[in-house]
C-alpha atoms as a PDB file:
ATOM      1  CA  MET A   1       0.000   0.000   0.000  1.00  0.00           C
ATOM      2  CA  TYR A   2       2.790   2.433   0.848  1.00  0.00           C
ATOM      3  CA  GLY A   3       6.556   2.508   0.962  1.00  0.00           C
ATOM      4  CA  VAL A   4       9.116   3.264   3.632  1.00  0.00           C
ATOM      5  CA  GLY A   5       9.010   6.893   4.697  1.00  0.00           C
ATOM      6  CA  GLU A   6       5.646   7.560   3.071  1.00  0.00           C
ATOM      7  CA  ARG A   7       2.721   8.780   5.140  1.00  0.00           C
ATOM      8  CA  PRO A   8      -0.333   6.663   4.297  1.00  0.00           C
ATOM      9  CA  PHE A   9      -2.758   9.514   4.872  1.00  0.00           C
ATOM     10  CA  GLU A  10      -0.983  11.718   2.360  1.00  0.00           C
ATOM     11  CA  LEU A  11      -1.240   8.917  -0.206  1.00  0.00           C
ATOM     12  CA  VAL A  12      -4.998   8.376   0.223  1.00  0.00           C
ATOM     13  CA  ARG A  13      -6.118  11.909   1.021  1.00  0.00           C
ATOM     14  CA  GLY A  14      -6.397  12.875  -2.651  1.00  0.00           C
ATOM     15  CA  LYS A  15      -8.579   9.861  -3.406  1.00  0.00           C
ATOM     16  CA  LEU A  16     -10.830  10.610  -0.439  1.00  0.00           C
ATOM     17  CA  VAL A  17     -11.155  14.248  -1.456  1.00  0.00           C
ATOM     18  CA  SER A  18     -11.780  13.433  -5.136  1.00  0.00           C
ATOM     19  CA  ALA A  19     -14.496  10.914  -4.319  1.00  0.00           C
ATOM     20  CA  ARG A  20     -16.256  13.379  -2.018  1.00  0.00           C
ATOM     21  CA  ILE A  21     -15.939  16.221  -4.542  1.00  0.00           C
ATOM     22  CA  GLU A  22     -17.633  13.994  -7.121  1.00  0.00           C
ATOM     23  CA  VAL A  23     -20.563  13.442  -4.747  1.00  0.00           C
ATOM     24  CA  LEU A  24     -20.855  17.171  -4.098  1.00  0.00           C
ATOM     25  CA  ALA A  25     -20.595  17.961  -7.812  1.00  0.00           C
ATOM     26  CA  GLN A  26     -23.441  15.575  -8.589  1.00  0.00           C
ATOM     27  CA  LEU A  27     -25.531  16.913  -5.706  1.00  0.00           C
ATOM     28  CA  ALA A  28     -24.989  20.467  -7.001  1.00  0.00           C
ATOM     29  CA  LYS A  29     -26.697  19.510 -10.279  1.00  0.00           C
ATOM     30  CA  PHE A  30     -30.003  19.331  -8.395  1.00  0.00           C
ATOM     31  CA  SER A  31     -31.889  22.501  -7.597  1.00  0.00           C
ATOM     32  CA  ARG A  32     -32.715  23.123  -3.952  1.00  0.00           C
ATOM     33  CA  GLU A  33     -36.263  21.896  -4.635  1.00  0.00           C
ATOM     34  CA  GLU A  34     -35.032  18.786  -6.479  1.00  0.00           C
ATOM     35  CA  GLN A  35     -32.700  17.920  -3.594  1.00  0.00           C
ATOM     36  CA  ALA A  36     -35.732  17.372  -1.370  1.00  0.00           C
ATOM     37  CA  LEU A  37     -37.946  15.555  -3.900  1.00  0.00           C
ATOM     38  CA  ARG A  38     -38.393  11.852  -3.273  1.00  0.00           C
ATOM     39  CA  PRO A  39     -38.108   9.968  -6.577  1.00  0.00           C
ATOM     40  CA  ALA A  40     -40.492   7.210  -5.421  1.00  0.00           C
ATOM     41  CA  ARG A  41     -41.967   5.857  -2.230  1.00  0.00           C
ATOM     42  CA  GLY A  42     -39.219   4.328  -0.111  1.00  0.00           C
ATOM     43  CA  LYS A  43     -36.451   5.894  -2.217  1.00  0.00           C
ATOM     44  CA  TRP A  44     -34.042   8.521  -0.983  1.00  0.00           C
ATOM     45  CA  THR A  45     -34.021  12.137  -2.006  1.00  0.00           C
ATOM     46  CA  PRO A  46     -30.658  13.515  -3.167  1.00  0.00           C
ATOM     47  CA  LEU A  47     -30.361  15.296   0.173  1.00  0.00           C
ATOM     48  CA  GLN A  48     -30.987  12.049   2.037  1.00  0.00           C
ATOM     49  CA  VAL A  49     -28.152  10.443   0.043  1.00  0.00           C
ATOM     50  CA  ALA A  50     -25.846  13.210   1.269  1.00  0.00           C
ATOM     51  CA  ASN A  51     -27.105  12.799   4.839  1.00  0.00           C
ATOM     52  CA  HIS A  52     -26.458   9.073   4.601  1.00  0.00           C
ATOM     53  CA  LEU A  53     -22.828   9.785   3.675  1.00  0.00           C
ATOM     54  CA  TYR A  54     -22.527  12.116   6.658  1.00  0.00           C
ATOM     55  CA  ILE A  55     -23.872   9.413   8.983  1.00  0.00           C
ATOM     56  CA  CYS A  56     -21.678   6.754   7.432  1.00  0.00           C
ATOM     57  CA  ASP A  57     -18.536   8.856   7.905  1.00  0.00           C
ATOM     58  CA  GLY A  58     -19.298   8.984  11.620  1.00  0.00           C
ATOM     59  CA  LEU A  59     -19.878   5.243  11.832  1.00  0.00           C
ATOM     60  CA  ILE A  60     -16.667   4.468   9.951  1.00  0.00           C
ATOM     61  CA  LEU A  61     -14.704   6.854  12.160  1.00  0.00           C
ATOM     62  CA  THR A  62     -16.012   4.988  15.214  1.00  0.00           C
ATOM     63  CA  GLN A  63     -14.971   1.702  13.631  1.00  0.00           C
ATOM     64  CA  MET A  64     -11.528   3.082  12.753  1.00  0.00           C
ATOM     65  CA  ARG A  65     -10.984   4.076  16.368  1.00  0.00           C
ATOM     66  CA  ARG A  66     -12.074   0.633  17.476  1.00  0.00           C
ATOM     67  CA  VAL A  67      -9.602  -1.078  15.127  1.00  0.00           C
ATOM     68  CA  GLN A  68      -6.846   1.082  16.601  1.00  0.00           C
ATOM     69  CA  SER A  69      -7.813   0.415  20.226  1.00  0.00           C
ATOM     70  CA  GLU A  70      -8.682  -3.309  20.165  1.00  0.00           C
ATOM     71  CA  GLU A  71      -6.857  -6.396  18.974  1.00  0.00           C
ATOM     72  CA  ASN A  72      -8.408  -7.721  15.758  1.00  0.00           C
ATOM     73  CA  PRO A  73     -11.987  -6.668  16.622  1.00  0.00           C
ATOM     74  CA  LEU A  74     -15.019  -8.077  14.891  1.00  0.00           C
ATOM     75  CA  LEU A  75     -16.696  -5.012  13.431  1.00  0.00           C
ATOM     76  CA  PRO A  76     -20.404  -5.121  12.710  1.00  0.00           C
ATOM     77  CA  ALA A  77     -21.603  -4.384   9.222  1.00  0.00           C
ATOM     78  CA  ILE A  78     -22.447  -0.689   9.149  1.00  0.00           C
ATOM     79  CA  GLU A  79     -26.105  -1.402   8.504  1.00  0.00           C
ATOM     80  CA  GLU A  80     -26.145  -3.261  11.844  1.00  0.00           C
ATOM     81  CA  ASP A  81     -24.800  -0.117  13.552  1.00  0.00           C
ATOM     82  CA  SER A  82     -27.504   2.185  12.238  1.00  0.00           C
ATOM     83  CA  SER A  83     -30.906   1.839  10.632  1.00  0.00           C
ATOM     84  CA  THR A  84     -30.164   5.129   8.857  1.00  0.00           C
ATOM     85  CA  PHE A  85     -27.726   3.253   6.637  1.00  0.00           C
ATOM     86  CA  TYR A  86     -30.621   2.125   4.446  1.00  0.00           C
ATOM     87  CA  GLU A  87     -33.704   3.856   5.787  1.00  0.00           C
ATOM     88  CA  PRO A  88     -34.193   7.505   4.852  1.00  0.00           C
ATOM     89  CA  PRO A  89     -34.449   9.703   7.939  1.00  0.00           C
ATOM     90  CA  ASP A  90     -37.839  11.157   8.792  1.00  0.00           C
ATOM     91  CA  ILE A  91     -36.363  14.437  10.002  1.00  0.00           C
ATOM     92  CA  PRO A  92     -36.506  17.458   7.715  1.00  0.00           C
ATOM     93  CA  LEU A  93     -33.130  18.102   6.139  1.00  0.00           C
ATOM     94  CA  THR A  94     -31.765  21.324   4.705  1.00  0.00           C
ATOM     95  CA  PRO A  95     -28.812  21.549   2.335  1.00  0.00           C
ATOM     96  CA  GLU A  96     -26.987  23.831   4.782  1.00  0.00           C
ATOM     97  CA  VAL A  97     -27.312  21.444   7.718  1.00  0.00           C
ATOM     98  CA  VAL A  98     -26.343  18.358   5.709  1.00  0.00           C
ATOM     99  CA  LEU A  99     -23.429  19.963   3.850  1.00  0.00           C
ATOM    100  CA  ASN A 100     -22.033  21.599   6.995  1.00  0.00           C
ATOM    101  CA  GLY A 101     -22.319  18.285   8.822  1.00  0.00           C
ATOM    102  CA  MET A 102     -20.621  16.440   5.977  1.00  0.00           C
ATOM    103  CA  ALA A 103     -17.751  18.920   5.926  1.00  0.00           C
ATOM    104  CA  ALA A 104     -17.248  18.876   9.695  1.00  0.00           C
ATOM    105  CA  ARG A 105     -17.382  15.090   9.910  1.00  0.00           C
ATOM    106  CA  ARG A 106     -14.965  14.661   7.016  1.00  0.00           C
ATOM    107  CA  GLU A 107     -12.536  17.142   8.599  1.00  0.00           C
ATOM    108  CA  GLU A 108     -12.713  15.151  11.836  1.00  0.00           C
ATOM    109  CA  LEU A 109     -11.969  11.980   9.896  1.00  0.00           C
ATOM    110  CA  TYR A 110      -9.040  13.606   8.026  1.00  0.00           C
ATOM    111  CA  HIS A 111      -7.593  14.924  11.265  1.00  0.00           C
ATOM    112  CA  TYR A 112      -7.798  11.494  12.869  1.00  0.00           C
ATOM    113  CA  LEU A 113      -6.166   9.756   9.903  1.00  0.00           C
ATOM    114  CA  SER A 114      -3.407  12.371   9.699  1.00  0.00           C
ATOM    115  CA  THR A 115      -2.321  11.583  13.262  1.00  0.00           C
ATOM    116  CA  LEU A 116      -1.818   7.857  12.684  1.00  0.00           C
ATOM    117  CA  PRO A 117       1.679   6.491  12.095  1.00  0.00           C
ATOM    118  CA  ALA A 118       2.221   4.273   9.051  1.00  0.00           C
ATOM    119  CA  GLU A 119       2.575   1.038  11.023  1.00  0.00           C
ATOM    120  CA  VAL A 120      -0.994   1.121  12.365  1.00  0.00           C
ATOM    121  CA  TRP A 121      -2.569   1.305   8.898  1.00  0.00           C
ATOM    122  CA  ARG A 122      -2.164  -2.474   8.660  1.00  0.00           C
ATOM    123  CA  ARG A 123      -3.866  -3.267  11.985  1.00  0.00           C
ATOM    124  CA  PRO A 124      -6.244  -6.199  11.509  1.00  0.00           C
ATOM    125  CA  PHE A 125      -9.963  -6.421  12.013  1.00  0.00           C
ATOM    126  CA  ARG A 126     -12.628  -8.915  11.091  1.00  0.00           C
ATOM    127  CA  HIS A 127     -15.838  -8.185   9.276  1.00  0.00           C
ATOM    128  CA  PRO A 128     -18.863 -10.492   8.883  1.00  0.00           C
ATOM    129  CA  GLU A 129     -18.993  -9.985   5.099  1.00  0.00           C
ATOM    130  CA  TRP A 130     -15.404  -9.081   4.147  1.00  0.00           C
ATOM    131  CA  GLY A 131     -13.567 -11.529   6.398  1.00  0.00           C
ATOM    132  CA  GLN A 132     -10.107 -10.671   7.725  1.00  0.00           C
ATOM    133  CA  CYS A 133      -9.096  -7.128   6.734  1.00  0.00           C
ATOM    134  CA  ALA A 134      -6.576  -4.386   7.425  1.00  0.00           C
ATOM    135  CA  PHE A 135      -7.311  -0.873   8.683  1.00  0.00           C
ATOM    136  CA  TYR A 136      -6.539   0.816   5.354  1.00  0.00           C
ATOM    137  CA  GLN A 137      -9.408  -1.146   3.776  1.00  0.00           C
ATOM    138  CA  LEU A 138     -11.844   1.010   5.757  1.00  0.00           C
ATOM    139  CA  ILE A 139     -10.485   3.977   3.796  1.00  0.00           C
ATOM    140  CA  ASP A 140     -10.964   2.043   0.547  1.00  0.00           C
ATOM    141  CA  PHE A 141     -14.561   1.450   1.617  1.00  0.00           C
ATOM    142  CA  LEU A 142     -15.119   5.193   2.109  1.00  0.00           C
ATOM    143  CA  ILE A 143     -13.784   5.958  -1.361  1.00  0.00           C
ATOM    144  CA  ASP A 144     -15.881   3.229  -2.984  1.00  0.00           C
ATOM    145  CA  HIS A 145     -18.925   4.267  -0.991  1.00  0.00           C
ATOM    146  CA  ASP A 146     -18.690   7.895  -2.126  1.00  0.00           C
ATOM    147  CA  GLN A 147     -18.257   6.744  -5.728  1.00  0.00           C
ATOM    148  CA  LEU A 148     -21.286   4.460  -5.458  1.00  0.00           C
ATOM    149  CA  HIS A 149     -23.479   7.299  -4.251  1.00  0.00           C
ATOM    150  CA  ALA A 150     -22.092   9.741  -6.829  1.00  0.00           C
ATOM    151  CA  HIS A 151     -23.273   7.264  -9.485  1.00  0.00           C
ATOM    152  CA  GLN A 152     -26.613   6.988  -7.687  1.00  0.00           C
ATOM    153  CA  LEU A 153     -27.023  10.770  -7.900  1.00  0.00           C
ATOM    154  CA  VAL A 154     -26.158  10.703 -11.625  1.00  0.00           C
ATOM    155  CA  ALA A 155     -28.874   8.094 -12.180  1.00  0.00           C
ATOM    156  CA  MET A 156     -31.377  10.077 -10.095  1.00  0.00           C
ATOM    157  CA  LYS A 157     -30.715  13.222 -12.135  1.00  0.00           C
ATOM    158  CA  ALA A 158     -30.997  11.325 -15.419  1.00  0.00           C
ATOM    159  CA  ALA A 159     -34.325   9.851 -14.324  1.00  0.00           C
ATOM    160  CA  ARG A 160     -35.691  13.365 -13.679  1.00  0.00           C
ATOM    161  CA  GLN A 161     -34.959  14.523 -17.212  1.00  0.00           C
END
């Protein structure tokens, strides 16, 4: 994953930022009114997708801290940690609240990752679906997760046109 003398966070930061910028770019293609429109019963609004990412960042950060503080912990699947992983929240959301929350949570995550020495990025954990993993794979999940939801927003916008 990284070589001697390289800081893992510096190597993955660009990927994390790029994936999140893509989500925000796709979200920006929706008007304020469109961000709150539910495409179909039981489906998320674009704003709920963004809120989901905010919630997920917090859950992953908790799991990252657990991997660093316990020996080879068994992490629950994120959907076991929070019903908001798949269920849209019933609370009213505003773009300002969601985007500010996303930014603050991501900054907290970046700060945490920037403090970790290279040797702990390989700390092991177990996952019910992924099996035996290393800490850095949680970062890979975040990148993939942002990309997945950026594509979801593209499809939502295309369906509206």
